[in-house]
Amino acid sequence: MHTIRILLLVFSILNIQDILTKQLIQTVWGTEEMEHPLLEELLTSHVMQRLKKIDQSGPTRYFKNNGKDLVPSFLRYDHSIGVWALTKKAGASIPEQAAALAHDASHTAFSHLADILFNHNEIDKNGSYQDSIHLWFLEKMEITPIISRYGLTLEQLEPDLSEYTALEQPSPSLCADRIQYIIHTGVIFNLITEADARTIVESLIFENKTWIFTDKNPAKQFALLSLYFTKHLWGAPYNHAFYQCFSIALREAFKNNLFTKEDFLFGTDQDILDLLLKSNSPTIIEILAKCSDIYSHFTIVPYGDGTYNFKPKCRGVDPLVKNDDGTIQKLTEIDSDYKKEFESTKKWCQEGYGLVTTFDTYK
């Protein structure tokens, strides 16, 4: 009897320790448990914690228009843990889950502004500057000692590895990365509720290396968000105008040695913004003032007629849906209204637009 009590006590202690080692990860659709020590250590590393100070929308997050925020806060950290949670839901391997968690760690201050600042869009129209420096950045941030303790190599943190099918897929197919930022953006812009987000995620399954919806209704609600944000956020004229305007201030700051390229690569949004705000440069002061009232400083014209001309990337998705009879079809194949919206958004992106701005002379 005494032996049984001791064994029960040991089992109890082991269970308590097991619970204590679990990390509870909060996403916009609910809570997920992180149980693997590699993932837990990676999560608490400096390279991941830095993402709490990098916003998904870049510099627009820190400016207002008519007293209102241009965009709500969406931290790269929150995006990353959400992407990880989806790869876990998909039953992905631990290396793929680790790659998911760290997939955005190489973003510079102000996220995708680096694409414009370093002219990366002219070099690679499909990739991003962050992608081009990803493994180098992780090595510089001393992530190798962490992952090597668990038998992983730096190369296994490359998110675009062909075997990481839950994490990344070419557009307009679904992947954990794309799913997370569409849902999260919908929640923070109050276009869907957290309950809606939960329904969307619960209706997703991962079969045969593919994300599939089991219900057409949440599939359509989710897909419509991708079309809306393509036109009204990610590809919106005000967003492109703002990025071009703000990049002028950064180039001027580099010219005046306010900070180095390394400061920008490894720093945080607020650190760089504080240096800009403290600057005595008339150009920087004038540009930041324009950023604070961006809608007053650009006019939309036909593509080719602007000082700046854009053909926005179409981020609209065409998710697969499993029908009641078990067949699988694209949403555009079973919903004519969505197909019309999807094609209209693609056409808008292909036609593009030009911008004439009050900061043309700085180009």
Protein backbone atom coordinates (compact mmCIF):
# COMPACT_ATOMS: atom_id res chain seq x y z
CA MET A 1 0.00 0.00 0.00
CA HIS A 2 2.86 2.32 0.93
CA THR A 3 4.53 1.56 -2.41
CA ILE A 4 1.36 2.39 -4.32
CA ARG A 5 1.08 5.75 -2.57
CA ILE A 6 4.69 6.57 -3.48
CA LEU A 7 4.08 5.65 -7.11
CA LEU A 8 0.93 7.78 -7.22
CA LEU A 9 2.87 10.70 -5.73
CA VAL A 10 5.63 10.30 -8.34
CA PHE A 11 3.09 10.20 -11.17
CA SER A 12 1.37 13.26 -9.74
CA ILE A 13 4.65 15.19 -9.62
CA LEU A 14 5.50 14.16 -13.18
CA ASN A 15 2.08 15.31 -14.40
CA ILE A 16 2.45 18.66 -12.63
CA GLN A 17 5.90 19.14 -14.16
CA ASP A 18 4.48 18.28 -17.58
CA ILE A 19 1.79 20.92 -17.16
CA LEU A 20 4.28 23.50 -15.96
CA THR A 21 6.46 23.07 -19.04
CA LYS A 22 3.59 23.73 -21.45
CA GLN A 23 3.35 27.21 -22.95
CA LEU A 24 -0.14 28.51 -23.57
CA ILE A 25 -0.18 30.42 -26.85
CA GLN A 26 -2.99 32.90 -27.42
CA THR A 27 -4.20 33.45 -30.98
CA VAL A 28 -7.20 35.44 -32.22
CA TRP A 29 -9.14 32.17 -32.55
CA GLY A 30 -8.21 30.60 -29.21
CA THR A 31 -5.48 29.07 -27.07
CA GLU A 32 -2.98 26.46 -28.19
CA GLU A 33 -0.48 24.49 -26.09
CA MET A 34 3.18 24.52 -27.05
CA GLU A 35 4.83 21.45 -25.62
CA HIS A 36 8.13 20.81 -27.43
CA PRO A 37 11.23 22.22 -25.63
CA LEU A 38 12.80 23.38 -28.90
CA LEU A 39 9.77 25.49 -29.73
CA GLU A 40 9.55 26.84 -26.18
CA GLU A 41 13.21 27.86 -26.18
CA LEU A 42 12.90 29.37 -29.63
CA LEU A 43 9.84 31.35 -28.53
CA THR A 44 11.68 32.95 -25.61
CA SER A 45 14.83 33.73 -27.63
CA HIS A 46 15.83 37.30 -28.43
CA VAL A 47 15.23 36.77 -32.13
CA MET A 48 11.55 35.99 -31.46
CA GLN A 49 10.96 38.46 -28.64
CA ARG A 50 12.21 41.26 -30.90
CA LEU A 51 9.17 40.65 -33.11
CA LYS A 52 6.98 42.11 -30.36
CA LYS A 53 8.41 45.46 -31.47
CA ILE A 54 7.99 45.00 -35.24
CA ASP A 55 4.57 45.74 -36.71
CA GLN A 56 3.09 43.78 -39.60
CA SER A 57 1.98 46.97 -41.37
CA GLY A 58 5.30 48.73 -41.06
CA PRO A 59 5.45 52.48 -40.43
CA THR A 60 1.74 53.19 -41.05
CA ARG A 61 0.98 51.76 -37.62
CA TYR A 62 2.64 54.74 -35.93
CA PHE A 63 0.77 57.53 -37.72
CA LYS A 64 -2.75 58.90 -37.65
CA ASN A 65 -5.12 60.47 -40.16
CA ASN A 66 -7.70 62.94 -38.83
CA GLY A 67 -6.86 61.80 -35.32
CA LYS A 68 -7.44 58.10 -36.05
CA ASP A 69 -4.86 55.36 -36.45
CA LEU A 70 -4.17 54.57 -40.10
CA VAL A 71 -4.09 50.86 -39.19
CA PRO A 72 -4.49 48.90 -35.95
CA SER A 73 -1.53 47.19 -34.32
CA PHE A 74 -0.59 43.74 -35.63
CA LEU A 75 2.71 42.51 -34.26
CA ARG A 76 4.98 40.17 -36.19
CA TYR A 77 5.20 38.12 -33.00
CA ASP A 78 1.44 37.53 -32.94
CA HIS A 79 1.52 36.57 -36.60
CA SER A 80 4.38 34.13 -36.03
CA ILE A 81 2.77 32.27 -33.14
CA GLY A 82 -0.47 32.06 -35.10
CA VAL A 83 1.33 30.54 -38.08
CA TRP A 84 3.02 28.06 -35.76
CA ALA A 85 -0.36 27.11 -34.23
CA LEU A 86 -1.74 26.35 -37.70
CA THR A 87 1.21 24.13 -38.60
CA LYS A 88 0.66 22.23 -35.37
CA LYS A 89 -3.02 21.83 -36.29
CA ALA A 90 -1.86 20.44 -39.63
CA GLY A 91 0.27 17.81 -37.87
CA ALA A 92 3.50 19.26 -39.29
CA SER A 93 6.89 17.97 -38.17
CA ILE A 94 8.79 19.77 -35.42
CA PRO A 95 11.30 21.21 -37.95
CA GLU A 96 8.40 22.67 -39.97
CA GLN A 97 6.80 24.04 -36.80
CA ALA A 98 10.14 25.64 -35.86
CA ALA A 99 10.46 27.13 -39.35
CA ALA A 100 6.91 28.46 -39.01
CA LEU A 101 7.65 30.08 -35.68
CA ALA A 102 10.81 31.76 -37.01
CA HIS A 103 9.63 32.46 -40.57
CA ASP A 104 9.31 36.23 -40.05
CA ALA A 105 12.21 36.71 -37.63
CA SER A 106 14.39 38.33 -40.32
CA HIS A 107 12.09 41.28 -40.88
CA THR A 108 13.86 44.60 -40.48
CA ALA A 109 12.38 47.56 -38.65
CA PHE A 110 9.10 48.56 -40.35
CA SER A 111 8.74 45.14 -42.00
CA HIS A 112 8.28 45.31 -45.80
CA LEU A 113 9.49 48.90 -46.05
CA ALA A 114 12.91 47.32 -46.60
CA ASP A 115 11.70 46.16 -50.03
CA ILE A 116 11.39 49.79 -51.13
CA LEU A 117 14.30 51.16 -49.14
CA PHE A 118 16.79 48.69 -50.63
CA ASN A 119 15.10 48.56 -54.07
CA HIS A 120 14.44 44.86 -53.64
CA ASN A 121 11.22 45.02 -55.65
CA GLU A 122 13.28 45.90 -58.71
CA ILE A 123 15.49 42.85 -58.17
CA ASP A 124 12.85 40.30 -57.21
CA LYS A 125 9.21 41.17 -57.87
CA ASN A 126 7.89 38.02 -56.18
CA GLY A 127 10.16 37.71 -53.13
CA SER A 128 10.90 40.10 -50.30
CA TYR A 129 14.09 41.55 -48.83
CA GLN A 130 13.38 39.68 -45.61
CA ASP A 131 13.33 36.35 -47.47
CA SER A 132 16.65 37.09 -49.16
CA ILE A 133 18.48 37.56 -45.84
CA HIS A 134 16.54 35.06 -43.72
CA LEU A 135 19.13 32.40 -42.87
CA TRP A 136 21.95 34.95 -42.68
CA PHE A 137 19.88 37.02 -40.26
CA LEU A 138 19.05 34.03 -38.04
CA GLU A 139 22.72 33.08 -37.88
CA LYS A 140 23.68 36.65 -36.93
CA MET A 141 21.04 36.57 -34.19
CA GLU A 142 22.78 33.45 -32.80
CA ILE A 143 19.89 31.06 -33.24
CA THR A 144 22.16 28.17 -34.32
CA PRO A 145 23.23 27.20 -30.76
CA ILE A 146 19.55 26.85 -29.79
CA ILE A 147 18.41 24.66 -32.66
CA SER A 148 21.59 22.57 -32.78
CA ARG A 149 20.86 21.31 -29.27
CA TYR A 150 17.82 19.61 -30.77
CA GLY A 151 19.53 18.27 -33.88
CA LEU A 152 18.31 20.93 -36.31
CA THR A 153 20.41 22.80 -38.85
CA LEU A 154 19.98 26.40 -39.92
CA GLU A 155 18.89 25.25 -43.37
CA GLN A 156 15.88 23.50 -41.80
CA LEU A 157 14.54 26.90 -40.78
CA GLU A 158 14.13 27.91 -44.41
CA PRO A 159 10.32 28.32 -44.68
CA ASP A 160 10.22 27.68 -48.43
CA LEU A 161 11.54 24.12 -48.24
CA SER A 162 9.45 21.96 -50.56
CA GLU A 163 8.47 19.58 -47.76
CA TYR A 164 6.97 22.38 -45.65
CA THR A 165 3.63 22.25 -47.42
CA ALA A 166 1.51 23.32 -44.45
CA LEU A 167 3.59 26.46 -43.92
CA GLU A 168 3.96 27.86 -47.45
CA GLN A 169 2.14 27.43 -50.76
CA PRO A 170 2.04 29.61 -53.88
CA SER A 171 -0.87 32.05 -54.15
CA PRO A 172 -3.86 31.75 -54.45
CA SER A 173 -3.66 28.44 -52.55
CA LEU A 174 -3.89 28.39 -48.78
CA CYS A 175 -0.97 28.04 -46.41
CA ALA A 176 -0.50 28.66 -42.69
CA ASP A 177 1.22 31.99 -43.34
CA ARG A 178 -1.55 33.29 -45.60
CA ILE A 179 -4.37 31.89 -43.47
CA GLN A 180 -3.11 33.57 -40.32
CA TYR A 181 -2.59 37.08 -41.61
CA ILE A 182 -5.94 37.14 -43.40
CA ILE A 183 -7.86 35.98 -40.32
CA HIS A 184 -5.91 38.18 -37.89
CA THR A 185 -6.31 41.26 -40.07
CA GLY A 186 -10.04 40.59 -40.33
CA VAL A 187 -10.34 40.50 -36.53
CA ILE A 188 -8.35 43.65 -35.79
CA PHE A 189 -10.28 45.61 -38.45
CA ASN A 190 -13.53 44.36 -36.86
CA LEU A 191 -14.72 42.70 -40.07
CA ILE A 192 -15.01 39.36 -38.29
CA THR A 193 -15.23 38.42 -34.61
CA GLU A 194 -12.93 36.09 -32.71
CA ALA A 195 -15.81 33.59 -32.76
CA ASP A 196 -15.87 33.88 -36.57
CA ALA A 197 -12.10 33.34 -36.60
CA ARG A 198 -12.52 30.20 -34.50
CA THR A 199 -15.20 28.86 -36.85
CA ILE A 200 -12.96 29.48 -39.85
CA VAL A 201 -10.00 27.65 -38.28
CA GLU A 202 -12.16 24.78 -37.02
CA SER A 203 -13.53 24.26 -40.54
CA LEU A 204 -10.02 23.87 -41.95
CA ILE A 205 -8.34 20.51 -42.37
CA PHE A 206 -4.96 19.58 -43.83
CA GLU A 207 -5.11 16.55 -46.12
CA ASN A 208 -2.75 15.31 -48.83
CA LYS A 209 -0.43 18.28 -48.22
CA THR A 210 -3.30 20.70 -48.83
CA TRP A 211 -5.45 23.01 -46.69
CA ILE A 212 -9.16 22.38 -47.32
CA PHE A 213 -12.35 23.90 -45.93
CA THR A 214 -15.05 21.47 -44.84
CA ASP A 215 -17.74 24.15 -45.04
CA LYS A 216 -18.36 26.62 -47.86
CA ASN A 217 -19.71 29.43 -45.65
CA PRO A 218 -16.59 30.07 -43.53
CA ALA A 219 -14.49 29.49 -46.67
CA LYS A 220 -16.30 32.32 -48.44
CA GLN A 221 -16.20 34.62 -45.39
CA PHE A 222 -12.46 34.06 -45.17
CA ALA A 223 -11.85 34.44 -48.91
CA LEU A 224 -13.81 37.70 -49.13
CA LEU A 225 -11.48 39.17 -46.50
CA SER A 226 -8.52 38.47 -48.79
CA LEU A 227 -10.16 40.43 -51.63
CA TYR A 228 -11.19 43.33 -49.41
CA PHE A 229 -7.74 43.80 -47.91
CA THR A 230 -6.02 43.46 -51.27
CA LYS A 231 -7.83 46.60 -52.44
CA HIS A 232 -8.31 48.50 -49.20
CA LEU A 233 -5.12 47.78 -47.27
CA TRP A 234 -2.23 45.82 -48.79
CA GLY A 235 -2.61 47.24 -52.30
CA ALA A 236 -4.39 50.47 -51.37
CA PRO A 237 -3.13 53.77 -52.84
CA TYR A 238 -2.77 55.38 -49.40
CA ASN A 239 -0.55 52.49 -48.27
CA HIS A 240 1.77 52.74 -51.28
CA ALA A 241 1.88 56.52 -50.98
CA PHE A 242 2.77 56.28 -47.32
CA TYR A 243 5.56 53.76 -47.90
CA GLN A 244 7.12 55.87 -50.65
CA CYS A 245 6.87 59.01 -48.52
CA PHE A 246 8.31 57.43 -45.39
CA SER A 247 11.17 55.81 -47.29
CA ILE A 248 12.34 59.34 -48.24
CA ALA A 249 12.77 60.13 -44.54
CA LEU A 250 14.79 56.95 -44.04
CA ARG A 251 17.06 57.60 -47.00
CA GLU A 252 17.68 61.11 -45.67
CA ALA A 253 18.45 59.63 -42.26
CA PHE A 254 21.03 57.26 -43.77
CA LYS A 255 22.55 60.20 -45.64
CA ASN A 256 22.81 62.16 -42.38
CA ASN A 257 24.23 59.16 -40.49
CA LEU A 258 21.37 59.14 -37.97
CA PHE A 259 21.67 55.36 -37.90
CA THR A 260 23.41 52.60 -39.81
CA LYS A 261 22.05 49.87 -42.04
CA GLU A 262 22.79 47.41 -39.25
CA ASP A 263 20.72 49.50 -36.84
CA PHE A 264 17.84 49.28 -39.29
CA LEU A 265 18.23 45.56 -39.97
CA PHE A 266 18.43 44.45 -36.34
CA GLY A 267 16.63 47.32 -34.60
CA THR A 268 12.96 47.87 -33.83
CA ASP A 269 10.28 50.19 -35.20
CA GLN A 270 10.19 52.55 -32.25
CA ASP A 271 13.99 52.79 -31.95
CA ILE A 272 14.27 54.00 -35.56
CA LEU A 273 11.19 56.21 -35.36
CA ASP A 274 12.54 57.93 -32.24
CA LEU A 275 15.76 58.79 -34.07
CA LEU A 276 13.75 60.25 -36.96
CA LEU A 277 11.57 62.32 -34.62
CA LYS A 278 14.64 63.76 -32.90
CA SER A 279 16.22 64.78 -36.21
CA ASN A 280 16.82 68.44 -37.06
CA SER A 281 16.78 67.68 -40.79
CA PRO A 282 14.22 69.96 -42.54
CA THR A 283 13.55 67.21 -45.11
CA ILE A 284 12.82 64.57 -42.48
CA ILE A 285 10.60 66.93 -40.50
CA GLU A 286 8.66 67.88 -43.63
CA ILE A 287 8.27 64.26 -44.79
CA LEU A 288 7.05 63.05 -41.39
CA ALA A 289 4.46 65.84 -41.40
CA LYS A 290 3.21 64.62 -44.79
CA CYS A 291 3.03 61.06 -43.45
CA SER A 292 0.79 62.33 -40.66
CA ASP A 293 -1.70 63.57 -43.26
CA ILE A 294 -0.99 61.20 -46.12
CA TYR A 295 -4.41 61.44 -47.81
CA SER A 296 -3.75 65.12 -48.56
CA HIS A 297 -0.53 64.38 -50.39
CA PHE A 298 -1.39 62.11 -53.31
CA THR A 299 -3.73 61.91 -56.28
CA ILE A 300 -4.65 58.69 -58.07
CA VAL A 301 -4.11 58.68 -61.84
CA PRO A 302 -4.10 55.94 -64.52
CA TYR A 303 -1.19 53.51 -64.44
CA GLY A 304 1.83 55.01 -66.19
CA ASP A 305 0.77 58.61 -65.62
CA GLY A 306 2.05 58.85 -62.07
CA THR A 307 5.43 59.65 -60.63
CA TYR A 308 4.93 56.36 -58.82
CA ASN A 309 3.13 53.52 -60.61
CA PHE A 310 1.96 50.30 -59.01
CA LYS A 311 0.44 46.99 -59.93
CA PRO A 312 -0.50 45.64 -56.51
CA LYS A 313 0.13 42.00 -55.68
CA CYS A 314 -3.19 40.17 -55.70
CA ARG A 315 -3.49 38.48 -52.32
CA GLY A 316 -6.93 37.09 -53.02
CA VAL A 317 -7.28 33.38 -52.26
CA ASP A 318 -9.30 30.65 -53.95
CA PRO A 319 -9.64 28.01 -51.24
CA LEU A 320 -10.51 24.39 -51.75
CA VAL A 321 -13.82 23.23 -50.29
CA LYS A 322 -14.86 19.64 -49.55
CA ASN A 323 -18.46 19.07 -50.64
CA ASP A 324 -20.97 16.84 -48.84
CA ASP A 325 -20.28 14.06 -51.33
CA GLY A 326 -16.54 14.19 -50.56
CA THR A 327 -15.51 15.89 -53.79
CA ILE A 328 -13.15 18.84 -53.54
CA GLN A 329 -13.51 22.02 -55.60
CA LYS A 330 -12.19 25.56 -55.62
CA LEU A 331 -14.51 28.18 -54.15
CA THR A 332 -14.65 29.92 -57.53
CA GLU A 333 -16.03 26.70 -59.03
CA ILE A 334 -18.96 26.45 -56.64
CA ASP A 335 -19.80 30.11 -55.99
CA SER A 336 -20.35 32.35 -59.02
CA ASP A 337 -20.63 35.52 -56.92
CA TYR A 338 -17.24 34.90 -55.34
CA LYS A 339 -15.74 34.08 -58.72
CA LYS A 340 -16.93 37.46 -60.02
CA GLU A 341 -15.39 39.29 -57.04
CA PHE A 342 -12.17 37.29 -57.34
CA GLU A 343 -11.76 38.05 -61.04
CA SER A 344 -12.61 41.72 -60.49
CA THR A 345 -9.91 42.05 -57.82
CA LYS A 346 -7.34 40.32 -60.02
CA LYS A 347 -8.19 42.71 -62.87
CA TRP A 348 -7.84 45.73 -60.56
CA CYS A 349 -4.37 44.55 -59.56
CA GLN A 350 -3.34 43.86 -63.15
CA GLU A 351 -4.47 47.31 -64.32
CA GLY A 352 -2.71 49.09 -61.48
CA TYR A 353 -2.69 52.81 -60.84
CA GLY A 354 -0.37 55.78 -60.67
CA LEU A 355 0.22 58.32 -57.92
CA VAL A 356 1.08 61.97 -58.27
CA THR A 357 2.27 63.24 -54.91
CA THR A 358 3.45 66.38 -53.14
CA PHE A 359 6.74 64.61 -52.44
CA ASP A 360 7.55 63.82 -56.08
CA THR A 361 10.51 66.21 -56.03
CA TYR A 362 12.28 64.10 -53.41
CA LYS A 363 12.26 60.99 -55.61
